[in-house]
Protein backbone atom coordinates (compact mmCIF):
# COMPACT_ATOMS: atom_id res chain seq x y z
CA MET A 1 70.92 36.39 115.97
CA ASP A 2 67.67 34.43 115.81
CA HIS A 3 68.77 32.94 112.49
CA ALA A 4 72.19 32.06 113.92
CA ARG A 5 70.59 30.42 116.98
CA ARG A 6 68.12 28.41 114.88
CA HIS A 7 70.98 27.09 112.74
CA GLY A 8 73.29 26.23 115.62
CA HIS A 9 75.77 29.08 115.14
CA LEU A 10 74.83 30.73 118.42
CA ARG A 11 74.15 28.81 121.61
CA VAL A 12 72.99 30.18 124.95
CA PHE A 13 73.47 28.43 128.28
CA CYS A 14 72.23 29.18 131.78
CA LEU A 15 75.12 28.72 134.21
CA GLY A 16 73.18 29.31 137.41
CA VAL A 17 71.50 31.87 139.62
CA THR A 18 73.17 33.94 142.33
CA LEU A 19 71.84 36.11 145.13
CA ASP A 20 73.99 38.84 146.65
CA ALA A 21 73.58 38.57 150.43
CA LEU A 22 74.16 42.29 151.01
CA THR A 23 71.92 43.80 148.34
CA LEU A 24 69.59 40.85 147.70
CA ALA A 25 70.20 41.43 143.99
CA ALA A 26 69.72 38.27 141.97
CA ASP A 27 71.59 37.40 138.77
CA ILE A 28 70.78 34.78 136.18
CA LEU A 29 74.22 33.80 134.91
CA THR A 30 74.17 33.14 131.17
CA VAL A 31 76.72 32.75 128.43
CA ALA A 32 76.26 33.08 124.67
CA ILE A 33 78.67 31.17 122.47
CA ILE A 34 78.88 32.50 118.92
CA ALA A 35 80.68 30.74 116.06
CA PRO A 36 83.64 32.88 114.93
CA ASP A 37 82.39 33.59 111.40
CA THR A 38 78.92 34.38 112.71
CA TYR A 39 80.40 36.76 115.29
CA ASP A 40 82.31 38.57 112.55
CA ASP A 41 79.12 38.90 110.47
CA LEU A 42 76.95 40.05 113.38
CA PHE A 43 79.34 42.69 114.65
CA ALA A 44 80.99 43.84 111.41
CA HIS A 45 79.24 47.21 111.62
CA ALA A 46 79.56 47.84 115.35
CA VAL A 47 80.39 51.45 116.14
CA GLU A 48 82.44 53.04 118.88
CA GLU A 49 80.50 56.30 118.83
CA ASN A 50 76.97 57.42 117.98
CA ALA A 51 74.65 60.37 118.63
CA GLU A 52 74.33 59.34 122.29
CA GLY A 53 78.09 59.31 122.90
CA SER A 54 81.02 56.95 122.83
CA VAL A 55 80.96 53.29 123.68
CA PRO A 56 84.39 52.25 124.94
CA ALA A 57 84.73 48.62 123.93
CA HIS A 58 87.68 46.32 124.32
CA THR A 59 88.19 42.73 123.40
CA PHE A 60 90.04 40.32 125.63
CA PRO A 61 91.08 36.76 124.87
CA PHE A 62 89.19 34.09 126.79
CA GLU A 63 92.25 32.83 128.62
CA GLU A 64 92.95 31.98 132.23
CA ASN A 65 95.37 34.89 132.74
CA THR A 66 92.79 37.35 131.36
CA LEU A 67 90.11 36.04 133.70
CA ARG A 68 92.49 36.26 136.66
CA TRP A 69 93.39 39.86 135.73
CA LEU A 70 89.71 40.84 135.42
CA SER A 71 88.86 39.24 138.77
CA GLU A 72 91.76 40.88 140.57
CA SER A 73 91.04 44.28 139.03
CA THR A 74 87.58 44.48 140.66
CA ARG A 75 86.13 45.63 137.33
CA LEU A 76 83.47 42.90 137.47
CA SER A 77 80.38 42.50 139.57
CA PRO A 78 80.32 39.32 141.66
CA GLY A 79 77.77 37.82 139.25
CA ALA A 80 79.87 38.61 136.18
CA ALA A 81 82.95 37.15 137.87
CA ALA A 82 81.01 34.00 138.74
CA ALA A 83 79.71 33.67 135.17
CA LEU A 84 83.24 33.95 133.77
CA ARG A 85 84.59 31.39 136.26
CA LEU A 86 81.80 28.95 135.38
CA ALA A 87 82.27 29.50 131.64
CA TRP A 88 86.01 28.85 132.07
CA THR A 89 85.37 25.72 134.12
CA HIS A 90 82.99 24.34 131.46
CA ARG A 91 84.79 25.76 128.41
CA LYS A 92 85.21 22.34 126.76
CA LEU A 93 81.47 21.75 126.86
CA LEU A 94 80.76 25.25 125.53
CA ASP A 95 83.38 25.20 122.74
CA PHE A 96 82.26 25.22 119.11
CA GLU A 97 85.43 23.36 118.12
CA ARG A 98 84.51 20.17 119.96
């Protein structure tokens, strides 16, 4: 990942900071944008299970309907939901294709 970042194939952005008024938990909202080929190389050997147990992983397309479904499903923390909304809002700036 360090090599990918140094060569511009992975970029990390800070989207903001939130503070939950009820718990006083703070979140630093970040997003990592990985070039498609680099992503494939980095995660080619990812596993779904190891000695510690299973890791249920799912991929979802970064599309407006997916983000709406995730937000409405209450599967996300408020900070994660905010990060996704901000990433969607600024997706043109964050896109590797631009």
